[in-house]
Amino acid sequence: MTTFAPFPRPSGQPASAAAPAVEAFELSKHYGKADARVTALDGVSVSFEAGRFTAIMGPSGSGKSTLMHCLAGLDTPDAGRILLGGTEISALNDRQLTALRRERIGFVFQAFNLVPTLNAEQNITLPLALAGSTADPAWFDYVVGTLGLKDRLTHRPHELSGGQQQRVAVARALLTRPDVVFGDEPTGNLDSKAGGEVLAMLRRSSQELGQTIIMVTHDPVAASYADRVVLMSDGHLVGDLDNPTTGSVLTALGKLGA
């Protein structure tokens, strides 16, 4: 596995904060109507501490992806409140919500979501470009160097391996130093070696930079990199594991029939 250099901490930035990074109160979300109505979230309340790496797990259809999409402002709950660093995102209009996602949230998706016509460097800096800002050169160099991308910055996505594309996506998510990084099965398309290195990078960004990571995954090995695992079933929170291991996650999922 790749050996990473220590993270440079921005001046004055604490390792963690006391206030929750994200809080949800009585979230409900339904899809369909009448007999086809499905309850994805049923009065879910949960808090995610700042500076921790949390995995959300559960059987297919448990509501884990819906919860993450609502927390990240990508979907709107039918009822309930969501606070991101004290900002109630349900009270924001579309323009304000777009700005919040761009400036305070990072995303790492299973499908990478890179722009095919842009090279790696342009994909990494895209959120800043959209905000009319530029990257801190020292931080940019550190992130791309740590992720092994320095010699791939002029390559377009089709010229990169799957692991390299996901590293670009991780670099893009970390570059703005967002309040929260959301990961939706971020290693689902990677081999075990590349996936392990991406997960190690996310874990270290939490431990050493105080970055808050919230990741949906079905993989107990991926979840073992987290500080905490939140378990869901049928739209409810049904369990909470601290300091998870692959074994403890497998046991908990087994009890859910996952």
C-alpha atoms as a PDB file:
ATOM      1  CA  MET A   1       0.000   0.000   0.000  1.00  0.00           C
ATOM      2  CA  THR A   2       1.158   3.528  -0.763  1.00  0.00           C
ATOM      3  CA  THR A   3       2.863   5.404   2.090  1.00  0.00           C
ATOM      4  CA  PHE A   4       1.464   8.918   2.464  1.00  0.00           C
ATOM      5  CA  ALA A   5       3.207  11.984   3.806  1.00  0.00           C
ATOM      6  CA  PRO A   6       1.664  13.785   6.804  1.00  0.00           C
ATOM      7  CA  PHE A   7      -1.199  16.131   6.002  1.00  0.00           C
ATOM      8  CA  PRO A   8      -0.348  19.831   6.306  1.00  0.00           C
ATOM      9  CA  ARG A   9      -2.964  21.333   8.615  1.00  0.00           C
ATOM     10  CA  PRO A  10      -4.198  24.842   7.715  1.00  0.00           C
ATOM     11  CA  SER A  11      -3.161  27.429  10.283  1.00  0.00           C
ATOM     12  CA  GLY A  12      -5.494  27.511  13.249  1.00  0.00           C
ATOM     13  CA  GLN A  13      -7.584  24.536  12.134  1.00  0.00           C
ATOM     14  CA  PRO A  14      -8.474  22.215  15.023  1.00  0.00           C
ATOM     15  CA  ALA A  15      -8.359  18.450  14.740  1.00  0.00           C
ATOM     16  CA  SER A  16     -12.103  18.295  15.386  1.00  0.00           C
ATOM     17  CA  ALA A  17     -14.999  20.440  16.516  1.00  0.00           C
ATOM     18  CA  ALA A  18     -17.490  19.902  19.320  1.00  0.00           C
ATOM     19  CA  ALA A  19     -20.605  20.785  17.306  1.00  0.00           C
ATOM     20  CA  PRO A  20     -22.105  18.199  14.958  1.00  0.00           C
ATOM     21  CA  ALA A  21     -21.214  18.621  11.297  1.00  0.00           C
ATOM     22  CA  VAL A  22     -24.608  17.356  10.125  1.00  0.00           C
ATOM     23  CA  GLU A  23     -27.852  16.752  12.005  1.00  0.00           C
ATOM     24  CA  ALA A  24     -31.163  15.326  10.832  1.00  0.00           C
ATOM     25  CA  PHE A  25     -34.443  15.555  12.713  1.00  0.00           C
ATOM     26  CA  GLU A  26     -37.449  13.321  11.989  1.00  0.00           C
ATOM     27  CA  LEU A  27     -36.722  12.899   8.285  1.00  0.00           C
ATOM     28  CA  SER A  28     -39.416  11.219   6.206  1.00  0.00           C
ATOM     29  CA  LYS A  29     -39.273  10.413   2.512  1.00  0.00           C
ATOM     30  CA  HIS A  30     -41.737   8.491   0.364  1.00  0.00           C
ATOM     31  CA  TYR A  31     -41.761   7.440  -3.277  1.00  0.00           C
ATOM     32  CA  GLY A  32     -44.752   6.450  -5.370  1.00  0.00           C
ATOM     33  CA  LYS A  33     -48.448   6.623  -4.604  1.00  0.00           C
ATOM     34  CA  ALA A  34     -51.236   4.413  -3.244  1.00  0.00           C
ATOM     35  CA  ASP A  35     -50.326   0.724  -3.407  1.00  0.00           C
ATOM     36  CA  ALA A  36     -46.963   1.572  -4.978  1.00  0.00           C
ATOM     37  CA  ARG A  37     -46.012   3.918  -2.144  1.00  0.00           C
ATOM     38  CA  VAL A  38     -42.609   3.115  -0.629  1.00  0.00           C
ATOM     39  CA  THR A  39     -41.304   4.604   2.619  1.00  0.00           C
ATOM     40  CA  ALA A  40     -37.579   5.271   2.213  1.00  0.00           C
ATOM     41  CA  LEU A  41     -37.141   7.215   5.465  1.00  0.00           C
ATOM     42  CA  ASP A  42     -39.496   6.952   8.422  1.00  0.00           C
ATOM     43  CA  GLY A  43     -38.815   9.621  11.045  1.00  0.00           C
ATOM     44  CA  VAL A  44     -35.026   9.337  10.989  1.00  0.00           C
ATOM     45  CA  SER A  45     -33.060  11.463  13.461  1.00  0.00           C
ATOM     46  CA  VAL A  46     -29.277  11.210  13.492  1.00  0.00           C
ATOM     47  CA  SER A  47     -26.233  13.332  14.235  1.00  0.00           C
ATOM     48  CA  PHE A  48     -22.767  13.129  12.679  1.00  0.00           C
ATOM     49  CA  GLU A  49     -19.856  14.490  14.688  1.00  0.00           C
ATOM     50  CA  ALA A  50     -17.407  16.834  13.023  1.00  0.00           C
ATOM     51  CA  GLY A  51     -14.068  15.288  12.221  1.00  0.00           C
ATOM     52  CA  ARG A  52     -15.287  11.668  12.189  1.00  0.00           C
ATOM     53  CA  PHE A  53     -15.530   9.119   9.393  1.00  0.00           C
ATOM     54  CA  THR A  54     -18.964   7.474   9.440  1.00  0.00           C
ATOM     55  CA  ALA A  55     -20.248   4.680   7.214  1.00  0.00           C
ATOM     56  CA  ILE A  56     -23.976   4.162   6.588  1.00  0.00           C
ATOM     57  CA  MET A  57     -24.917   0.534   5.929  1.00  0.00           C
ATOM     58  CA  GLY A  58     -27.971  -1.659   5.546  1.00  0.00           C
ATOM     59  CA  PRO A  59     -29.735  -4.082   3.239  1.00  0.00           C
ATOM     60  CA  SER A  60     -30.812  -3.033  -0.238  1.00  0.00           C
ATOM     61  CA  GLY A  61     -33.795  -0.708   0.094  1.00  0.00           C
ATOM     62  CA  SER A  62     -32.999   0.193   3.703  1.00  0.00           C
ATOM     63  CA  GLY A  63     -32.922   3.935   2.951  1.00  0.00           C
ATOM     64  CA  LYS A  64     -29.180   4.483   3.335  1.00  0.00           C
ATOM     65  CA  SER A  65     -28.674   6.184  -0.038  1.00  0.00           C
ATOM     66  CA  THR A  66     -31.828   8.266   0.374  1.00  0.00           C
ATOM     67  CA  LEU A  67     -30.583   9.456   3.766  1.00  0.00           C
ATOM     68  CA  MET A  68     -27.216  10.469   2.346  1.00  0.00           C
ATOM     69  CA  HIS A  69     -28.781  12.252  -0.634  1.00  0.00           C
ATOM     70  CA  CYS A  70     -31.054  14.236   1.693  1.00  0.00           C
ATOM     71  CA  LEU A  71     -28.189  15.118   4.043  1.00  0.00           C
ATOM     72  CA  ALA A  72     -26.147  16.330   1.077  1.00  0.00           C
ATOM     73  CA  GLY A  73     -28.943  18.452  -0.367  1.00  0.00           C
ATOM     74  CA  LEU A  74     -29.257  16.258  -3.462  1.00  0.00           C
ATOM     75  CA  ASP A  75     -32.791  15.185  -2.538  1.00  0.00           C
ATOM     76  CA  THR A  76     -35.525  16.820  -0.477  1.00  0.00           C
ATOM     77  CA  PRO A  77     -37.254  15.023   2.394  1.00  0.00           C
ATOM     78  CA  ASP A  78     -41.031  15.137   2.627  1.00  0.00           C
ATOM     79  CA  ALA A  79     -40.761  16.166   6.265  1.00  0.00           C
ATOM     80  CA  GLY A  80     -38.080  16.934   8.828  1.00  0.00           C
ATOM     81  CA  ARG A  81     -35.102  19.244   9.185  1.00  0.00           C
ATOM     82  CA  ILE A  82     -31.438  19.005   8.217  1.00  0.00           C
ATOM     83  CA  LEU A  83     -28.685  21.199   9.652  1.00  0.00           C
ATOM     84  CA  LEU A  84     -25.266  21.426   8.011  1.00  0.00           C
ATOM     85  CA  GLY A  85     -22.904  23.177  10.403  1.00  0.00           C
ATOM     86  CA  GLY A  86     -25.856  25.039  11.877  1.00  0.00           C
ATOM     87  CA  THR A  87     -27.342  26.010   8.496  1.00  0.00           C
ATOM     88  CA  GLU A  88     -30.830  24.619   7.944  1.00  0.00           C
ATOM     89  CA  ILE A  89     -30.576  23.476   4.345  1.00  0.00           C
ATOM     90  CA  SER A  90     -34.324  22.876   4.004  1.00  0.00           C
ATOM     91  CA  ALA A  91     -34.781  26.635   4.376  1.00  0.00           C
ATOM     92  CA  LEU A  92     -32.524  27.449   1.400  1.00  0.00           C
ATOM     93  CA  ASN A  93     -33.726  28.283  -2.091  1.00  0.00           C
ATOM     94  CA  ASP A  94     -32.273  26.544  -5.146  1.00  0.00           C
ATOM     95  CA  ARG A  95     -29.556  29.148  -5.702  1.00  0.00           C
ATOM     96  CA  GLN A  96     -28.468  29.090  -2.063  1.00  0.00           C
ATOM     97  CA  LEU A  97     -28.510  25.286  -1.981  1.00  0.00           C
ATOM     98  CA  THR A  98     -26.372  25.102  -5.120  1.00  0.00           C
ATOM     99  CA  ALA A  99     -23.846  27.494  -3.579  1.00  0.00           C
ATOM    100  CA  LEU A 100     -23.787  25.503  -0.331  1.00  0.00           C
ATOM    101  CA  ARG A 101     -23.147  22.211  -2.139  1.00  0.00           C
ATOM    102  CA  ARG A 102     -20.377  23.797  -4.184  1.00  0.00           C
ATOM    103  CA  GLU A 103     -18.641  25.586  -1.319  1.00  0.00           C
ATOM    104  CA  ARG A 104     -19.220  23.413   1.753  1.00  0.00           C
ATOM    105  CA  ILE A 105     -19.782  19.863   0.517  1.00  0.00           C
ATOM    106  CA  GLY A 106     -17.532  17.437  -1.322  1.00  0.00           C
ATOM    107  CA  PHE A 107     -18.810  14.414  -3.228  1.00  0.00           C
ATOM    108  CA  VAL A 108     -17.162  11.127  -4.191  1.00  0.00           C
ATOM    109  CA  PHE A 109     -19.412   8.834  -6.221  1.00  0.00           C
ATOM    110  CA  GLN A 110     -19.029   5.246  -7.397  1.00  0.00           C
ATOM    111  CA  ALA A 111     -19.303   6.382 -11.019  1.00  0.00           C
ATOM    112  CA  PHE A 112     -16.537   9.036 -10.561  1.00  0.00           C
ATOM    113  CA  ASN A 113     -18.671  11.733 -12.340  1.00  0.00           C
ATOM    114  CA  LEU A 114     -15.739  13.301 -14.154  1.00  0.00           C
ATOM    115  CA  VAL A 115     -16.264  15.614 -17.127  1.00  0.00           C
ATOM    116  CA  PRO A 116     -14.901  13.672 -20.135  1.00  0.00           C
ATOM    117  CA  THR A 117     -13.777  16.755 -22.070  1.00  0.00           C
ATOM    118  CA  LEU A 118     -11.692  18.109 -19.183  1.00  0.00           C
ATOM    119  CA  ASN A 119      -8.285  16.830 -18.122  1.00  0.00           C
ATOM    120  CA  ALA A 120      -7.565  15.625 -14.597  1.00  0.00           C
ATOM    121  CA  GLU A 121      -6.390  19.005 -13.313  1.00  0.00           C
ATOM    122  CA  GLN A 122      -9.453  20.757 -14.731  1.00  0.00           C
ATOM    123  CA  ASN A 123     -11.757  18.148 -13.187  1.00  0.00           C
ATOM    124  CA  ILE A 124     -10.071  18.565  -9.795  1.00  0.00           C
ATOM    125  CA  THR A 125     -10.378  22.352  -9.830  1.00  0.00           C
ATOM    126  CA  LEU A 126     -13.860  22.461 -11.414  1.00  0.00           C
ATOM    127  CA  PRO A 127     -15.802  23.319  -8.195  1.00  0.00           C
ATOM    128  CA  LEU A 128     -13.467  26.235  -7.521  1.00  0.00           C
ATOM    129  CA  ALA A 129     -13.715  27.401 -11.136  1.00  0.00           C
ATOM    130  CA  LEU A 130     -17.507  27.357 -10.932  1.00  0.00           C
ATOM    131  CA  ALA A 131     -17.278  29.441  -7.761  1.00  0.00           C
ATOM    132  CA  GLY A 132     -14.981  31.947  -9.491  1.00  0.00           C
ATOM    133  CA  SER A 133     -12.093  30.990  -7.216  1.00  0.00           C
ATOM    134  CA  THR A 134      -8.681  29.371  -7.584  1.00  0.00           C
ATOM    135  CA  ALA A 135      -6.889  26.625  -5.721  1.00  0.00           C
ATOM    136  CA  ASP A 136      -4.280  27.199  -3.038  1.00  0.00           C
ATOM    137  CA  PRO A 137      -1.181  26.033  -4.983  1.00  0.00           C
ATOM    138  CA  ALA A 138       0.483  24.379  -1.989  1.00  0.00           C
ATOM    139  CA  TRP A 139      -2.656  22.478  -1.038  1.00  0.00           C
ATOM    140  CA  PHE A 140      -3.315  21.468  -4.653  1.00  0.00           C
ATOM    141  CA  ASP A 141       0.227  20.145  -5.016  1.00  0.00           C
ATOM    142  CA  TYR A 142      -0.071  18.233  -1.751  1.00  0.00           C
ATOM    143  CA  VAL A 143      -3.406  16.612  -2.591  1.00  0.00           C
ATOM    144  CA  VAL A 144      -2.453  15.527  -6.122  1.00  0.00           C
ATOM    145  CA  GLY A 145       0.974  14.413  -4.950  1.00  0.00           C
ATOM    146  CA  THR A 146      -0.438  12.343  -2.105  1.00  0.00           C
ATOM    147  CA  LEU A 147      -2.921  10.719  -4.466  1.00  0.00           C
ATOM    148  CA  GLY A 148      -0.221   9.968  -7.037  1.00  0.00           C
ATOM    149  CA  LEU A 149      -1.697  12.177  -9.741  1.00  0.00           C
ATOM    150  CA  LYS A 150       1.138  14.584 -10.534  1.00  0.00           C
ATOM    151  CA  ASP A 151       2.026  12.845 -13.784  1.00  0.00           C
ATOM    152  CA  ARG A 152      -1.631  12.408 -14.803  1.00  0.00           C
ATOM    153  CA  LEU A 153      -2.891  15.992 -14.609  1.00  0.00           C
ATOM    154  CA  THR A 154      -2.984  16.523 -18.389  1.00  0.00           C
ATOM    155  CA  HIS A 155      -4.774  13.221 -19.038  1.00  0.00           C
ATOM    156  CA  ARG A 156      -8.501  13.077 -19.762  1.00  0.00           C
ATOM    157  CA  PRO A 157     -10.666  10.541 -17.924  1.00  0.00           C
ATOM    158  CA  HIS A 158     -10.591   7.967 -20.739  1.00  0.00           C
ATOM    159  CA  GLU A 159      -6.794   7.978 -20.492  1.00  0.00           C
ATOM    160  CA  LEU A 160      -6.879   7.069 -16.785  1.00  0.00           C
ATOM    161  CA  SER A 161      -7.488   3.752 -15.044  1.00  0.00           C
ATOM    162  CA  GLY A 162     -10.546   3.361 -12.829  1.00  0.00           C
ATOM    163  CA  GLY A 163      -8.430   3.817  -9.728  1.00  0.00           C
ATOM    164  CA  GLN A 164      -6.852   6.968 -11.129  1.00  0.00           C
ATOM    165  CA  GLN A 165     -10.258   8.379 -12.046  1.00  0.00           C
ATOM    166  CA  GLN A 166     -11.498   7.821  -8.495  1.00  0.00           C
ATOM    167  CA  ARG A 167      -8.356   9.477  -7.135  1.00  0.00           C
ATOM    168  CA  VAL A 168      -9.204  12.504  -9.278  1.00  0.00           C
ATOM    169  CA  ALA A 169     -12.705  12.479  -7.775  1.00  0.00           C
ATOM    170  CA  VAL A 170     -11.281  12.305  -4.243  1.00  0.00           C
ATOM    171  CA  ALA A 171      -8.861  15.149  -4.996  1.00  0.00           C
ATOM    172  CA  ARG A 172     -11.756  17.236  -6.321  1.00  0.00           C
ATOM    173  CA  ALA A 173     -13.751  16.565  -3.141  1.00  0.00           C
ATOM    174  CA  LEU A 174     -10.863  17.473  -0.806  1.00  0.00           C
ATOM    175  CA  LEU A 175      -9.511  20.488  -2.676  1.00  0.00           C
ATOM    176  CA  THR A 176     -12.072  22.962  -1.342  1.00  0.00           C
ATOM    177  CA  ARG A 177     -11.620  21.720   2.258  1.00  0.00           C
ATOM    178  CA  PRO A 178     -15.406  21.263   2.561  1.00  0.00           C
ATOM    179  CA  ASP A 179     -17.360  20.924   5.792  1.00  0.00           C
ATOM    180  CA  VAL A 180     -18.378  17.387   4.828  1.00  0.00           C
ATOM    181  CA  VAL A 181     -17.319  14.866   2.185  1.00  0.00           C
ATOM    182  CA  PHE A 182     -20.079  12.474   1.148  1.00  0.00           C
ATOM    183  CA  GLY A 183     -19.112   9.205  -0.485  1.00  0.00           C
ATOM    184  CA  ASP A 184     -21.665   7.035  -2.314  1.00  0.00           C
ATOM    185  CA  GLU A 185     -20.028   3.589  -2.681  1.00  0.00           C
ATOM    186  CA  PRO A 186     -16.754   5.409  -3.513  1.00  0.00           C
ATOM    187  CA  THR A 187     -14.740   2.211  -3.963  1.00  0.00           C
ATOM    188  CA  GLY A 188     -17.441   0.141  -5.635  1.00  0.00           C
ATOM    189  CA  ASN A 189     -15.733   0.223  -9.037  1.00  0.00           C
ATOM    190  CA  LEU A 190     -12.175  -0.265  -7.761  1.00  0.00           C
ATOM    191  CA  ASP A 191     -10.006  -3.284  -7.123  1.00  0.00           C
ATOM    192  CA  SER A 192      -9.090  -4.038  -3.514  1.00  0.00           C
ATOM    193  CA  LYS A 193      -5.675  -2.326  -3.659  1.00  0.00           C
ATOM    194  CA  ALA A 194      -6.919   0.913  -5.244  1.00  0.00           C
ATOM    195  CA  GLY A 195      -9.990   0.890  -3.021  1.00  0.00           C
ATOM    196  CA  GLY A 196      -7.911   0.435   0.105  1.00  0.00           C
ATOM    197  CA  GLU A 197      -5.710   3.392  -0.786  1.00  0.00           C
ATOM    198  CA  VAL A 198      -8.738   5.635  -1.418  1.00  0.00           C
ATOM    199  CA  LEU A 199     -10.274   4.592   1.914  1.00  0.00           C
ATOM    200  CA  ALA A 200      -6.961   5.162   3.704  1.00  0.00           C
ATOM    201  CA  MET A 201      -6.830   8.677   2.246  1.00  0.00           C
ATOM    202  CA  LEU A 202     -10.379   9.401   3.449  1.00  0.00           C
ATOM    203  CA  ARG A 203      -9.577   8.035   6.908  1.00  0.00           C
ATOM    204  CA  ARG A 204      -6.465  10.151   7.220  1.00  0.00           C
ATOM    205  CA  SER A 205      -8.257  13.267   6.037  1.00  0.00           C
ATOM    206  CA  SER A 206     -10.641  12.710   8.944  1.00  0.00           C
ATOM    207  CA  GLN A 207      -8.012  11.851  11.553  1.00  0.00           C
ATOM    208  CA  GLU A 208      -5.415  14.455  10.636  1.00  0.00           C
ATOM    209  CA  LEU A 209      -7.393  17.304   9.063  1.00  0.00           C
ATOM    210  CA  GLY A 210     -10.586  17.028  11.068  1.00  0.00           C
ATOM    211  CA  GLN A 211     -12.506  16.401   7.828  1.00  0.00           C
ATOM    212  CA  THR A 212     -15.995  14.952   8.263  1.00  0.00           C
ATOM    213  CA  ILE A 213     -16.644  11.930   6.032  1.00  0.00           C
ATOM    214  CA  ILE A 214     -20.052  10.286   5.561  1.00  0.00           C
ATOM    215  CA  MET A 215     -19.962   7.236   3.301  1.00  0.00           C
ATOM    216  CA  VAL A 216     -22.642   4.830   2.096  1.00  0.00           C
ATOM    217  CA  THR A 217     -21.263   1.364   1.468  1.00  0.00           C
ATOM    218  CA  HIS A 218     -22.351  -2.267   1.323  1.00  0.00           C
ATOM    219  CA  ASP A 219     -18.789  -3.505   1.889  1.00  0.00           C
ATOM    220  CA  PRO A 220     -17.859  -4.506   5.475  1.00  0.00           C
ATOM    221  CA  VAL A 221     -14.148  -4.102   4.673  1.00  0.00           C
ATOM    222  CA  ALA A 222     -14.727  -0.526   3.486  1.00  0.00           C
ATOM    223  CA  ALA A 223     -16.829   0.181   6.577  1.00  0.00           C
ATOM    224  CA  SER A 224     -14.000  -1.031   8.826  1.00  0.00           C
ATOM    225  CA  TYR A 225     -11.988   2.060   7.810  1.00  0.00           C
ATOM    226  CA  ALA A 226     -14.625   4.268   9.459  1.00  0.00           C
ATOM    227  CA  ASP A 227     -14.782   5.441  13.077  1.00  0.00           C
ATOM    228  CA  ARG A 228     -18.480   4.616  13.255  1.00  0.00           C
ATOM    229  CA  VAL A 229     -21.087   2.612  11.361  1.00  0.00           C
ATOM    230  CA  VAL A 230     -24.750   3.625  11.319  1.00  0.00           C
ATOM    231  CA  LEU A 231     -27.064   0.716  10.435  1.00  0.00           C
ATOM    232  CA  MET A 232     -30.411   1.121   8.654  1.00  0.00           C
ATOM    233  CA  SER A 233     -33.315  -1.180   7.828  1.00  0.00           C
ATOM    234  CA  ASP A 234     -36.712  -0.381   6.291  1.00  0.00           C
ATOM    235  CA  GLY A 235     -36.200   3.370   6.586  1.00  0.00           C
ATOM    236  CA  HIS A 236     -35.195   3.307  10.264  1.00  0.00           C
ATOM    237  CA  LEU A 237     -31.937   3.565  12.177  1.00  0.00           C
ATOM    238  CA  VAL A 238     -31.449   0.190  13.844  1.00  0.00           C
ATOM    239  CA  GLY A 239     -27.854   0.152  15.061  1.00  0.00           C
ATOM    240  CA  ASP A 240     -24.708   2.141  15.738  1.00  0.00           C
ATOM    241  CA  LEU A 241     -21.179   0.700  15.940  1.00  0.00           C
ATOM    242  CA  ASP A 242     -18.121   2.545  17.211  1.00  0.00           C
ATOM    243  CA  ASN A 243     -14.631   1.463  16.131  1.00  0.00           C
ATOM    244  CA  PRO A 244     -16.009  -1.118  13.687  1.00  0.00           C
ATOM    245  CA  THR A 245     -14.087  -4.107  12.405  1.00  0.00           C
ATOM    246  CA  THR A 246     -14.933  -6.232   9.398  1.00  0.00           C
ATOM    247  CA  GLY A 247     -16.088  -8.963  11.789  1.00  0.00           C
ATOM    248  CA  SER A 248     -18.308  -6.733  13.912  1.00  0.00           C
ATOM    249  CA  VAL A 249     -19.905  -5.230  10.802  1.00  0.00           C
ATOM    250  CA  LEU A 250     -20.573  -8.674   9.314  1.00  0.00           C
ATOM    251  CA  THR A 251     -22.180  -9.776  12.577  1.00  0.00           C
ATOM    252  CA  ALA A 252     -24.414  -6.704  12.737  1.00  0.00           C
ATOM    253  CA  LEU A 253     -25.458  -7.047   9.097  1.00  0.00           C
ATOM    254  CA  GLY A 254     -26.159 -10.720   9.620  1.00  0.00           C
ATOM    255  CA  LYS A 255     -28.675  -9.837  12.329  1.00  0.00           C
ATOM    256  CA  LEU A 256     -30.424  -7.587   9.785  1.00  0.00           C
ATOM    257  CA  GLY A 257     -30.493 -10.303   7.156  1.00  0.00           C
ATOM    258  CA  ALA A 258     -28.296  -8.190   4.874  1.00  0.00           C
END
